[in-house]
Every structure is written in structure tokens, then in C-alpha cells.
Amino acid sequence: MIETITSPGYFVGWGTLAMINAGIAQSKNRSGLIWFLISLPLGPFATLLLITVFSFRK
């Protein structure tokens, strides 16, 4: 069967990614809660932003 976007595994994976992004944000002295909330709609794009854009700022 083809899994749909509403399958429970999809939401668990997306939520886990949001939590990982919150941890990355906190390690870069950013607000984990704000980045968790940003990551919910943006997902991997938020990870990309955290890793690329904020790694060059001090």
C-alpha cells in the first residue's frame, strides 16, 4: 500500500526533526522554542537555514 501524508509515521518523523532543529538552535544560542515552531511548517528547510546561515554568524 502507498502511505499517505497523513500516516502517523510522517507526523512522528516531522516532529522529531523539529525537536532536533530546536537542539541545533540552542547549541547556536538561538531560541529552541521559536525554531521548533518554525520547523513544524518548514521542516528540512529550517534545518538547512540553521546549519548554513547561522553557522557563519558569531
C-alpha atoms as a PDB file:
ATOM      1  CA  MET A   1       0.000   0.000   0.000  1.00  0.00           C
ATOM      2  CA  ILE A   2       1.033   3.549  -0.601  1.00  0.00           C
ATOM      3  CA  GLU A   3       1.498   5.594   2.541  1.00  0.00           C
ATOM      4  CA  THR A   4      -0.191   8.947   2.546  1.00  0.00           C
ATOM      5  CA  ILE A   5       0.944  12.202   4.062  1.00  0.00           C
ATOM      6  CA  THR A   6      -1.470  11.633   6.954  1.00  0.00           C
ATOM      7  CA  SER A   7       0.162   8.431   8.163  1.00  0.00           C
ATOM      8  CA  PRO A   8       1.328   8.516  11.812  1.00  0.00           C
ATOM      9  CA  GLY A   9       4.935   7.827  10.831  1.00  0.00           C
ATOM     10  CA  TYR A  10       5.059  11.023   8.799  1.00  0.00           C
ATOM     11  CA  PHE A  11       3.994  13.148  11.768  1.00  0.00           C
ATOM     12  CA  VAL A  12       6.386  11.393  14.138  1.00  0.00           C
ATOM     13  CA  GLY A  13       9.311  11.979  11.779  1.00  0.00           C
ATOM     14  CA  TRP A  14       8.394  15.633  11.214  1.00  0.00           C
ATOM     15  CA  GLY A  15       8.048  16.203  14.969  1.00  0.00           C
ATOM     16  CA  THR A  16      11.384  14.528  15.614  1.00  0.00           C
ATOM     17  CA  LEU A  17      13.036  16.768  13.045  1.00  0.00           C
ATOM     18  CA  ALA A  18      11.507  19.814  14.744  1.00  0.00           C
ATOM     19  CA  MET A  19      12.968  18.680  18.077  1.00  0.00           C
ATOM     20  CA  ILE A  20      16.386  18.126  16.503  1.00  0.00           C
ATOM     21  CA  ASN A  21      16.229  21.613  14.988  1.00  0.00           C
ATOM     22  CA  ALA A  22      15.393  23.050  18.409  1.00  0.00           C
ATOM     23  CA  GLY A  23      18.510  21.367  19.811  1.00  0.00           C
ATOM     24  CA  ILE A  24      20.658  22.696  16.981  1.00  0.00           C
ATOM     25  CA  ALA A  25      19.251  26.185  17.546  1.00  0.00           C
ATOM     26  CA  GLN A  26      20.001  26.072  21.263  1.00  0.00           C
ATOM     27  CA  SER A  27      23.567  24.978  20.558  1.00  0.00           C
ATOM     28  CA  LYS A  28      23.924  28.105  18.405  1.00  0.00           C
ATOM     29  CA  ASN A  29      22.476  30.348  21.158  1.00  0.00           C
ATOM     30  CA  ARG A  30      19.109  30.717  19.435  1.00  0.00           C
ATOM     31  CA  SER A  31      15.661  30.131  20.908  1.00  0.00           C
ATOM     32  CA  GLY A  32      14.840  26.431  20.752  1.00  0.00           C
ATOM     33  CA  LEU A  33      11.096  27.046  21.101  1.00  0.00           C
ATOM     34  CA  ILE A  34      10.969  29.515  18.233  1.00  0.00           C
ATOM     35  CA  TRP A  35      12.962  27.206  15.959  1.00  0.00           C
ATOM     36  CA  PHE A  36      10.787  24.263  16.986  1.00  0.00           C
ATOM     37  CA  LEU A  37       7.729  26.227  15.889  1.00  0.00           C
ATOM     38  CA  ILE A  38       9.460  27.368  12.683  1.00  0.00           C
ATOM     39  CA  SER A  39      10.435  23.779  11.941  1.00  0.00           C
ATOM     40  CA  LEU A  40       6.885  22.473  12.103  1.00  0.00           C
ATOM     41  CA  PRO A  41       5.832  24.074   8.798  1.00  0.00           C
ATOM     42  CA  LEU A  42       9.298  24.306   7.201  1.00  0.00           C
ATOM     43  CA  GLY A  43      10.872  21.003   8.250  1.00  0.00           C
ATOM     44  CA  PRO A  44      14.133  20.300   6.430  1.00  0.00           C
ATOM     45  CA  PHE A  45      14.365  23.871   5.131  1.00  0.00           C
ATOM     46  CA  ALA A  46      14.650  25.095   8.725  1.00  0.00           C
ATOM     47  CA  THR A  47      17.489  22.615   9.263  1.00  0.00           C
ATOM     48  CA  LEU A  48      19.220  23.941   6.186  1.00  0.00           C
ATOM     49  CA  LEU A  49      18.871  27.512   7.461  1.00  0.00           C
ATOM     50  CA  LEU A  50      20.224  26.621  10.884  1.00  0.00           C
ATOM     51  CA  ILE A  51      23.218  24.776   9.527  1.00  0.00           C
ATOM     52  CA  THR A  52      24.203  27.133   6.727  1.00  0.00           C
ATOM     53  CA  VAL A  53      23.125  30.670   7.609  1.00  0.00           C
ATOM     54  CA  PHE A  54      23.686  30.666  11.353  1.00  0.00           C
ATOM     55  CA  SER A  55      26.970  28.763  11.265  1.00  0.00           C
ATOM     56  CA  PHE A  56      28.728  31.772   9.718  1.00  0.00           C
ATOM     57  CA  ARG A  57      27.402  34.353  12.181  1.00  0.00           C
ATOM     58  CA  LYS A  58      29.062  34.929  15.514  1.00  0.00           C
END
